[in-house]
Each structure stands twice: as C-alpha cells, then as structure tokens.
PDB file of all heavy atoms in Angstrom:
ATOM      1  N   ASP A   1      15.333  24.663   1.248  1.00  0.00           N
ATOM      2  CA  ASP A   1      15.789  25.747   0.379  1.00  0.00           C
ATOM      3  C   ASP A   1      17.216  26.183   0.703  1.00  0.00           C
ATOM      4  O   ASP A   1      17.607  27.370   0.560  1.00  0.00           O
ATOM      5  CB  ASP A   1      14.833  26.996   0.482  1.00  0.00           C
ATOM      6  CG  ASP A   1      13.475  26.691   0.035  1.00  0.00           C
ATOM      7  OD1 ASP A   1      13.333  25.908  -0.955  1.00  0.00           O
ATOM      8  OD2 ASP A   1      12.509  27.233   0.592  1.00  0.00           O
ATOM      9  N   GLU A   2      18.047  25.233   1.114  1.00  0.00           N
ATOM     10  CA  GLU A   2      19.465  25.462   1.387  1.00  0.00           C
ATOM     11  C   GLU A   2      20.312  24.436   0.656  1.00  0.00           C
ATOM     12  O   GLU A   2      19.922  23.288   0.602  1.00  0.00           O
ATOM     13  CB  GLU A   2      19.763  25.407   2.908  1.00  0.00           C
ATOM     14  CG  GLU A   2      19.140  26.505   3.754  1.00  0.00           C
ATOM     15  CD  GLU A   2      19.430  26.406   5.235  1.00  0.00           C
ATOM     16  OE1 GLU A   2      20.232  25.486   5.593  1.00  0.00           O
ATOM     17  OE2 GLU A   2      18.837  27.130   5.985  1.00  0.00           O
ATOM     18  N   LEU A   3      21.436  24.922   0.134  1.00  0.00           N
ATOM     19  CA  LEU A   3      22.420  24.034  -0.521  1.00  0.00           C
ATOM     20  C   LEU A   3      23.723  24.115   0.201  1.00  0.00           C
ATOM     21  O   LEU A   3      24.082  25.109   0.833  1.00  0.00           O
ATOM     22  CB  LEU A   3      22.596  24.503  -1.970  1.00  0.00           C
ATOM     23  CG  LEU A   3      21.428  24.470  -2.861  1.00  0.00           C
ATOM     24  CD1 LEU A   3      21.800  25.088  -4.239  1.00  0.00           C
ATOM     25  CD2 LEU A   3      20.794  23.147  -3.005  1.00  0.00           C
ATOM     26  N   ASP A   4      24.504  22.993   0.064  1.00  0.00           N
ATOM     27  CA  ASP A   4      25.805  23.007   0.627  1.00  0.00           C
ATOM     28  C   ASP A   4      26.694  23.932  -0.293  1.00  0.00           C
ATOM     29  O   ASP A   4      26.689  23.799  -1.486  1.00  0.00           O
ATOM     30  CB  ASP A   4      26.404  21.599   0.556  1.00  0.00           C
ATOM     31  CG  ASP A   4      27.782  21.550   1.059  1.00  0.00           C
ATOM     32  OD1 ASP A   4      28.079  21.702   2.302  1.00  0.00           O
ATOM     33  OD2 ASP A   4      28.720  21.282   0.242  1.00  0.00           O
ATOM     34  N   PRO A   5      27.453  24.860   0.329  1.00  0.00           N
ATOM     35  CA  PRO A   5      28.290  25.782  -0.485  1.00  0.00           C
ATOM     36  C   PRO A   5      29.462  25.090  -1.150  1.00  0.00           C
ATOM     37  O   PRO A   5      30.146  25.768  -1.960  1.00  0.00           O
ATOM     38  CB  PRO A   5      28.708  26.847   0.550  1.00  0.00           C
ATOM     39  CG  PRO A   5      28.684  26.107   1.843  1.00  0.00           C
ATOM     40  CD  PRO A   5      27.578  25.144   1.762  1.00  0.00           C
ATOM     41  N   PHE A   6      29.778  23.849  -0.837  1.00  0.00           N
ATOM     42  CA  PHE A   6      30.922  23.212  -1.490  1.00  0.00           C
ATOM     43  C   PHE A   6      30.529  22.427  -2.729  1.00  0.00           C
ATOM     44  O   PHE A   6      31.185  22.500  -3.728  1.00  0.00           O
ATOM     45  CB  PHE A   6      31.619  22.270  -0.457  1.00  0.00           C
ATOM     46  CG  PHE A   6      32.132  23.065   0.704  1.00  0.00           C
ATOM     47  CD1 PHE A   6      31.414  23.286   1.863  1.00  0.00           C
ATOM     48  CD2 PHE A   6      33.479  23.578   0.620  1.00  0.00           C
ATOM     49  CE1 PHE A   6      31.951  24.021   2.898  1.00  0.00           C
ATOM     50  CE2 PHE A   6      34.007  24.321   1.670  1.00  0.00           C
ATOM     51  CZ  PHE A   6      33.250  24.545   2.814  1.00  0.00           C
ATOM     52  N   ASP A   7      29.439  21.630  -2.626  1.00  0.00           N
ATOM     53  CA  ASP A   7      29.095  20.780  -3.779  1.00  0.00           C
ATOM     54  C   ASP A   7      27.677  21.052  -4.347  1.00  0.00           C
ATOM     55  O   ASP A   7      27.311  20.434  -5.359  1.00  0.00           O
ATOM     56  CB  ASP A   7      29.243  19.269  -3.481  1.00  0.00           C
ATOM     57  CG  ASP A   7      28.312  18.788  -2.361  1.00  0.00           C
ATOM     58  OD1 ASP A   7      27.325  19.471  -2.016  1.00  0.00           O
ATOM     59  OD2 ASP A   7      28.584  17.740  -1.798  1.00  0.00           O
ATOM     60  N   GLY A   8      26.955  21.935  -3.747  1.00  0.00           N
ATOM     61  CA  GLY A   8      25.617  22.252  -4.241  1.00  0.00           C
ATOM     62  C   GLY A   8      24.558  21.260  -3.837  1.00  0.00           C
ATOM     63  O   GLY A   8      23.466  21.314  -4.421  1.00  0.00           O
ATOM     64  N   GLY A   9      24.885  20.251  -2.995  1.00  0.00           N
ATOM     65  CA  GLY A   9      23.911  19.305  -2.597  1.00  0.00           C
ATOM     66  C   GLY A   9      22.904  19.862  -1.639  1.00  0.00           C
ATOM     67  O   GLY A   9      23.147  20.923  -0.943  1.00  0.00           O
ATOM     68  N   PRO A  10      21.695  19.285  -1.518  1.00  0.00           N
ATOM     69  CA  PRO A  10      20.626  19.877  -0.715  1.00  0.00           C
ATOM     70  C   PRO A  10      20.749  19.464   0.793  1.00  0.00           C
ATOM     71  O   PRO A  10      21.301  18.452   1.135  1.00  0.00           O
ATOM     72  CB  PRO A  10      19.387  19.242  -1.249  1.00  0.00           C
ATOM     73  CG  PRO A  10      19.837  17.842  -1.771  1.00  0.00           C
ATOM     74  CD  PRO A  10      21.193  18.103  -2.227  1.00  0.00           C
ATOM     75  N   PHE A  11      20.284  20.417   1.643  1.00  0.00           N
ATOM     76  CA  PHE A  11      20.110  20.100   3.053  1.00  0.00           C
ATOM     77  C   PHE A  11      18.625  19.758   3.257  1.00  0.00           C
ATOM     78  O   PHE A  11      17.753  20.472   2.774  1.00  0.00           O
ATOM     79  CB  PHE A  11      20.462  21.338   3.948  1.00  0.00           C
ATOM     80  CG  PHE A  11      21.920  21.594   4.049  1.00  0.00           C
ATOM     81  CD1 PHE A  11      22.456  22.727   3.429  1.00  0.00           C
ATOM     82  CD2 PHE A  11      22.769  20.752   4.678  1.00  0.00           C
ATOM     83  CE1 PHE A  11      23.757  23.024   3.524  1.00  0.00           C
ATOM     84  CE2 PHE A  11      24.102  20.991   4.820  1.00  0.00           C
ATOM     85  CZ  PHE A  11      24.653  22.143   4.243  1.00  0.00           C
ATOM     86  N   VAL A  12      18.376  18.669   3.959  1.00  0.00           N
ATOM     87  CA  VAL A  12      17.025  18.314   4.350  1.00  0.00           C
ATOM     88  C   VAL A  12      16.952  18.348   5.876  1.00  0.00           C
ATOM     89  O   VAL A  12      17.878  18.066   6.586  1.00  0.00           O
ATOM     90  CB  VAL A  12      16.611  16.894   3.777  1.00  0.00           C
ATOM     91  CG1 VAL A  12      16.572  16.875   2.299  1.00  0.00           C
ATOM     92  CG2 VAL A  12      17.561  15.798   4.305  1.00  0.00           C
ATOM     93  N   ALA A  13      15.741  18.706   6.400  1.00  0.00           N
ATOM     94  CA  ALA A  13      15.588  18.874   7.828  1.00  0.00           C
ATOM     95  C   ALA A  13      14.173  18.726   8.237  1.00  0.00           C
ATOM     96  O   ALA A  13      13.261  18.682   7.438  1.00  0.00           O
ATOM     97  CB  ALA A  13      16.126  20.247   8.238  1.00  0.00           C
ATOM     98  N   ALA A  14      13.903  18.661   9.546  1.00  0.00           N
ATOM     99  CA  ALA A  14      12.627  18.609  10.160  1.00  0.00           C
ATOM    100  C   ALA A  14      12.718  18.835  11.635  1.00  0.00           C
ATOM    101  O   ALA A  14      13.792  18.607  12.235  1.00  0.00           O
ATOM    102  CB  ALA A  14      11.889  17.289   9.882  1.00  0.00           C
ATOM    103  N   GLU A  15      11.648  19.306  12.286  1.00  0.00           N
ATOM    104  CA  GLU A  15      11.595  19.304  13.715  1.00  0.00           C
ATOM    105  C   GLU A  15      11.571  17.896  14.163  1.00  0.00           C
ATOM    106  O   GLU A  15      10.855  17.069  13.697  1.00  0.00           O
ATOM    107  CB  GLU A  15      10.354  20.068  14.171  1.00  0.00           C
ATOM    108  CG  GLU A  15      10.371  21.565  13.883  1.00  0.00           C
ATOM    109  CD  GLU A  15       9.172  22.240  14.529  1.00  0.00           C
ATOM    110  OE1 GLU A  15       8.464  21.621  15.343  1.00  0.00           O
ATOM    111  OE2 GLU A  15       8.897  23.401  14.122  1.00  0.00           O
ATOM    112  N   ILE A  16      12.452  17.636  15.177  1.00  0.00           N
ATOM    113  CA  ILE A  16      12.510  16.235  15.723  1.00  0.00           C
ATOM    114  C   ILE A  16      11.192  15.751  16.234  1.00  0.00           C
ATOM    115  O   ILE A  16      10.863  14.549  16.034  1.00  0.00           O
ATOM    116  CB  ILE A  16      13.610  16.178  16.802  1.00  0.00           C
ATOM    117  CG1 ILE A  16      14.987  16.273  16.179  1.00  0.00           C
ATOM    118  CG2 ILE A  16      13.471  14.892  17.633  1.00  0.00           C
ATOM    119  CD1 ILE A  16      16.131  16.251  17.164  1.00  0.00           C
ATOM    120  N   ALA A  17      10.383  16.606  16.766  1.00  0.00           N
ATOM    121  CA  ALA A  17       9.060  16.191  17.313  1.00  0.00           C
ATOM    122  C   ALA A  17       8.169  15.723  16.188  1.00  0.00           C
ATOM    123  O   ALA A  17       7.188  14.994  16.460  1.00  0.00           O
ATOM    124  CB  ALA A  17       8.428  17.361  18.044  1.00  0.00           C
ATOM    125  N   ARG A  18       8.432  16.060  14.915  1.00  0.00           N
ATOM    126  CA  ARG A  18       7.583  15.623  13.809  1.00  0.00           C
ATOM    127  C   ARG A  18       8.236  14.523  12.964  1.00  0.00           C
ATOM    128  O   ARG A  18       7.683  14.125  11.975  1.00  0.00           O
ATOM    129  CB  ARG A  18       7.292  16.856  12.942  1.00  0.00           C
ATOM    130  CG  ARG A  18       6.617  17.937  13.671  1.00  0.00           C
ATOM    131  CD  ARG A  18       6.244  19.132  12.772  1.00  0.00           C
ATOM    132  NE  ARG A  18       5.262  18.727  11.756  1.00  0.00           N
ATOM    133  CZ  ARG A  18       4.857  19.527  10.781  1.00  0.00           C
ATOM    134  NH1 ARG A  18       5.379  20.728  10.627  1.00  0.00           N
ATOM    135  NH2 ARG A  18       3.919  19.075   9.932  1.00  0.00           N
ATOM    136  N   VAL A  19       9.400  14.047  13.379  1.00  0.00           N
ATOM    137  CA  VAL A  19      10.056  12.958  12.676  1.00  0.00           C
ATOM    138  C   VAL A  19       9.264  11.661  12.915  1.00  0.00           C
ATOM    139  O   VAL A  19       9.028  11.239  14.101  1.00  0.00           O
ATOM    140  CB  VAL A  19      11.526  12.849  13.079  1.00  0.00           C
ATOM    141  CG1 VAL A  19      12.119  11.534  12.505  1.00  0.00           C
ATOM    142  CG2 VAL A  19      12.256  14.095  12.622  1.00  0.00           C
ATOM    143  N   VAL A  20       8.910  10.927  11.895  1.00  0.00           N
ATOM    144  CA  VAL A  20       8.025   9.801  11.987  1.00  0.00           C
ATOM    145  C   VAL A  20       8.567   8.735  12.958  1.00  0.00           C
ATOM    146  O   VAL A  20       7.863   8.306  13.873  1.00  0.00           O
ATOM    147  CB  VAL A  20       7.754   9.176  10.589  1.00  0.00           C
ATOM    148  CG1 VAL A  20       6.907   7.882  10.718  1.00  0.00           C
ATOM    149  CG2 VAL A  20       7.045  10.221   9.748  1.00  0.00           C
ATOM    150  N   PRO A  21       9.829   8.205  12.793  1.00  0.00           N
ATOM    151  CA  PRO A  21      10.252   7.185  13.707  1.00  0.00           C
ATOM    152  C   PRO A  21      10.364   7.650  15.175  1.00  0.00           C
ATOM    153  O   PRO A  21      10.229   6.803  16.055  1.00  0.00           O
ATOM    154  CB  PRO A  21      11.601   6.808  13.163  1.00  0.00           C
ATOM    155  CG  PRO A  21      12.025   7.886  12.236  1.00  0.00           C
ATOM    156  CD  PRO A  21      10.818   8.513  11.727  1.00  0.00           C
ATOM    157  N   VAL A  22      10.619   8.921  15.350  1.00  0.00           N
ATOM    158  CA  VAL A  22      10.649   9.450  16.742  1.00  0.00           C
ATOM    159  C   VAL A  22       9.283   9.448  17.363  1.00  0.00           C
ATOM    160  O   VAL A  22       8.979   8.969  18.464  1.00  0.00           O
ATOM    161  CB  VAL A  22      11.262  10.857  16.840  1.00  0.00           C
ATOM    162  CG1 VAL A  22      11.134  11.445  18.193  1.00  0.00           C
ATOM    163  CG2 VAL A  22      12.736  10.819  16.409  1.00  0.00           C
ATOM    164  N   GLN A  23       8.268   9.886  16.510  1.00  0.00           N
ATOM    165  CA  GLN A  23       6.874   9.930  16.963  1.00  0.00           C
ATOM    166  C   GLN A  23       6.380   8.521  17.269  1.00  0.00           C
ATOM    167  O   GLN A  23       5.574   8.336  18.241  1.00  0.00           O
ATOM    168  CB  GLN A  23       5.994  10.535  15.915  1.00  0.00           C
ATOM    169  CG  GLN A  23       6.131  12.050  15.679  1.00  0.00           C
ATOM    170  CD  GLN A  23       5.268  12.540  14.581  1.00  0.00           C
ATOM    171  OE1 GLN A  23       4.943  11.832  13.639  1.00  0.00           O
ATOM    172  NE2 GLN A  23       4.716  13.745  14.753  1.00  0.00           N
ATOM    173  N   LYS A  24       6.758   7.537  16.475  1.00  0.00           N
ATOM    174  CA  LYS A  24       6.163   6.232  16.556  1.00  0.00           C
ATOM    175  C   LYS A  24       6.974   5.214  17.455  1.00  0.00           C
ATOM    176  O   LYS A  24       6.485   4.129  17.610  1.00  0.00           O
ATOM    177  CB  LYS A  24       6.028   5.643  15.177  1.00  0.00           C
ATOM    178  CG  LYS A  24       5.005   6.385  14.352  1.00  0.00           C
ATOM    179  CD  LYS A  24       4.685   5.694  13.014  1.00  0.00           C
ATOM    180  CE  LYS A  24       3.530   6.366  12.283  1.00  0.00           C
ATOM    181  NZ  LYS A  24       3.157   5.614  11.002  1.00  0.00           N
ATOM    182  N   THR A  25       8.054   5.644  17.943  1.00  0.00           N
ATOM    183  CA  THR A  25       8.789   4.767  18.879  1.00  0.00           C
ATOM    184  C   THR A  25       8.000   4.581  20.162  1.00  0.00           C
ATOM    185  O   THR A  25       7.496   5.489  20.763  1.00  0.00           O
ATOM    186  CB  THR A  25      10.171   5.411  19.217  1.00  0.00           C
ATOM    187  OG1 THR A  25      10.996   5.368  18.060  1.00  0.00           O
ATOM    188  CG2 THR A  25      10.886   4.513  20.341  1.00  0.00           C
ATOM    189  N   VAL A  26       7.850   3.326  20.534  1.00  0.00           N
ATOM    190  CA  VAL A  26       7.123   2.914  21.747  1.00  0.00           C
ATOM    191  C   VAL A  26       8.053   2.186  22.687  1.00  0.00           C
ATOM    192  O   VAL A  26       8.762   1.247  22.282  1.00  0.00           O
ATOM    193  CB  VAL A  26       5.973   1.962  21.387  1.00  0.00           C
ATOM    194  CG1 VAL A  26       5.255   1.440  22.624  1.00  0.00           C
ATOM    195  CG2 VAL A  26       4.925   2.686  20.535  1.00  0.00           C
ATOM    196  N   HIS A  27       8.049   2.641  23.937  1.00  0.00           N
ATOM    197  CA  HIS A  27       8.911   1.947  24.934  1.00  0.00           C
ATOM    198  C   HIS A  27       8.000   1.022  25.770  1.00  0.00           C
ATOM    199  O   HIS A  27       7.003   1.425  26.267  1.00  0.00           O
ATOM    200  CB  HIS A  27       9.563   2.986  25.853  1.00  0.00           C
ATOM    201  CG  HIS A  27      10.527   3.938  25.149  1.00  0.00           C
ATOM    202  ND1 HIS A  27      11.843   3.592  24.968  1.00  0.00           N
ATOM    203  CD2 HIS A  27      10.344   5.082  24.504  1.00  0.00           C
ATOM    204  CE1 HIS A  27      12.445   4.552  24.322  1.00  0.00           C
ATOM    205  NE2 HIS A  27      11.542   5.491  24.031  1.00  0.00           N
ATOM    206  N   GLY A  28       8.416  -0.246  25.792  1.00  0.00           N
ATOM    207  CA  GLY A  28       7.614  -1.252  26.472  1.00  0.00           C
ATOM    208  C   GLY A  28       8.421  -2.381  27.062  1.00  0.00           C
ATOM    209  O   GLY A  28       9.616  -2.121  27.419  1.00  0.00           O
ATOM    210  N   HIS A  29       7.890  -3.553  27.120  1.00  0.00           N
ATOM    211  CA  HIS A  29       8.622  -4.666  27.619  1.00  0.00           C
ATOM    212  C   HIS A  29       8.407  -5.873  26.747  1.00  0.00           C
ATOM    213  O   HIS A  29       7.466  -5.937  25.913  1.00  0.00           O
ATOM    214  CB  HIS A  29       8.052  -4.988  29.091  1.00  0.00           C
ATOM    215  CG  HIS A  29       6.651  -5.410  29.065  1.00  0.00           C
ATOM    216  ND1 HIS A  29       5.606  -4.448  29.247  1.00  0.00           N
ATOM    217  CD2 HIS A  29       6.057  -6.623  28.935  1.00  0.00           C
ATOM    218  CE1 HIS A  29       4.457  -5.128  29.203  1.00  0.00           C
ATOM    219  NE2 HIS A  29       4.674  -6.417  29.039  1.00  0.00           N
ATOM    220  N   VAL A  30       9.302  -6.812  26.845  1.00  0.00           N
ATOM    221  CA  VAL A  30       9.275  -8.029  25.982  1.00  0.00           C
ATOM    222  C   VAL A  30       8.087  -8.893  26.423  1.00  0.00           C
ATOM    223  O   VAL A  30       7.976  -9.280  27.610  1.00  0.00           O
ATOM    224  CB  VAL A  30      10.616  -8.803  26.119  1.00  0.00           C
ATOM    225  CG1 VAL A  30      10.565 -10.078  25.215  1.00  0.00           C
ATOM    226  CG2 VAL A  30      11.779  -7.923  25.669  1.00  0.00           C
ATOM    227  N   ALA A  31       7.232  -9.237  25.478  1.00  0.00           N
ATOM    228  CA  ALA A  31       6.116 -10.070  25.744  1.00  0.00           C
ATOM    229  C   ALA A  31       6.537 -11.541  25.793  1.00  0.00           C
ATOM    230  O   ALA A  31       7.632 -11.891  25.379  1.00  0.00           O
ATOM    231  CB  ALA A  31       5.010  -9.893  24.688  1.00  0.00           C
ATOM    232  N   ASP A  32       5.634 -12.373  26.316  1.00  0.00           N
ATOM    233  CA  ASP A  32       6.001 -13.777  26.459  1.00  0.00           C
ATOM    234  C   ASP A  32       5.657 -14.681  25.236  1.00  0.00           C
ATOM    235  O   ASP A  32       5.706 -15.922  25.343  1.00  0.00           O
ATOM    236  CB  ASP A  32       5.386 -14.417  27.747  1.00  0.00           C
ATOM    237  CG  ASP A  32       3.824 -14.329  27.609  1.00  0.00           C
ATOM    238  OD1 ASP A  32       3.299 -13.827  26.600  1.00  0.00           O
ATOM    239  OD2 ASP A  32       3.156 -14.758  28.626  1.00  0.00           O
ATOM    240  N   ASP A  33       5.394 -14.051  24.102  1.00  0.00           N
ATOM    241  CA  ASP A  33       5.131 -14.847  22.937  1.00  0.00           C
ATOM    242  C   ASP A  33       5.685 -14.134  21.688  1.00  0.00           C
ATOM    243  O   ASP A  33       6.115 -12.999  21.766  1.00  0.00           O
ATOM    244  CB  ASP A  33       3.610 -15.090  22.731  1.00  0.00           C
ATOM    245  CG  ASP A  33       2.823 -13.818  22.655  1.00  0.00           C
ATOM    246  OD1 ASP A  33       3.446 -12.746  22.890  1.00  0.00           O
ATOM    247  OD2 ASP A  33       1.604 -13.869  22.385  1.00  0.00           O
ATOM    248  N   SER A  34       5.781 -14.928  20.603  1.00  0.00           N
ATOM    249  CA  SER A  34       6.386 -14.350  19.386  1.00  0.00           C
ATOM    250  C   SER A  34       5.315 -13.588  18.551  1.00  0.00           C
ATOM    251  O   SER A  34       4.090 -13.753  18.802  1.00  0.00           O
ATOM    252  CB  SER A  34       6.891 -15.462  18.525  1.00  0.00           C
ATOM    253  OG  SER A  34       7.999 -16.131  19.186  1.00  0.00           O
TER     254      SER A  34
END
C-alpha cells in the first residue's frame, strides 16, 4: 500500500524470514555423484 512519490510505481516487501528462497536455502556439501 505504498507508491513511489516520483513515478507512482508500487513498493513490494516482505519479512526476510518469510522470503521463499531464504527459507529454502540449504547449506551442505558437494556429493560424489550427479
């Protein structure tokens, strides 16, 4: 519900903790097969 005061374009946002790629990023190690 916010617009840029210069061109009227929309602002989009979210809590980082709820951002899909942040939630789904997995830290691991390279496996020995494809």
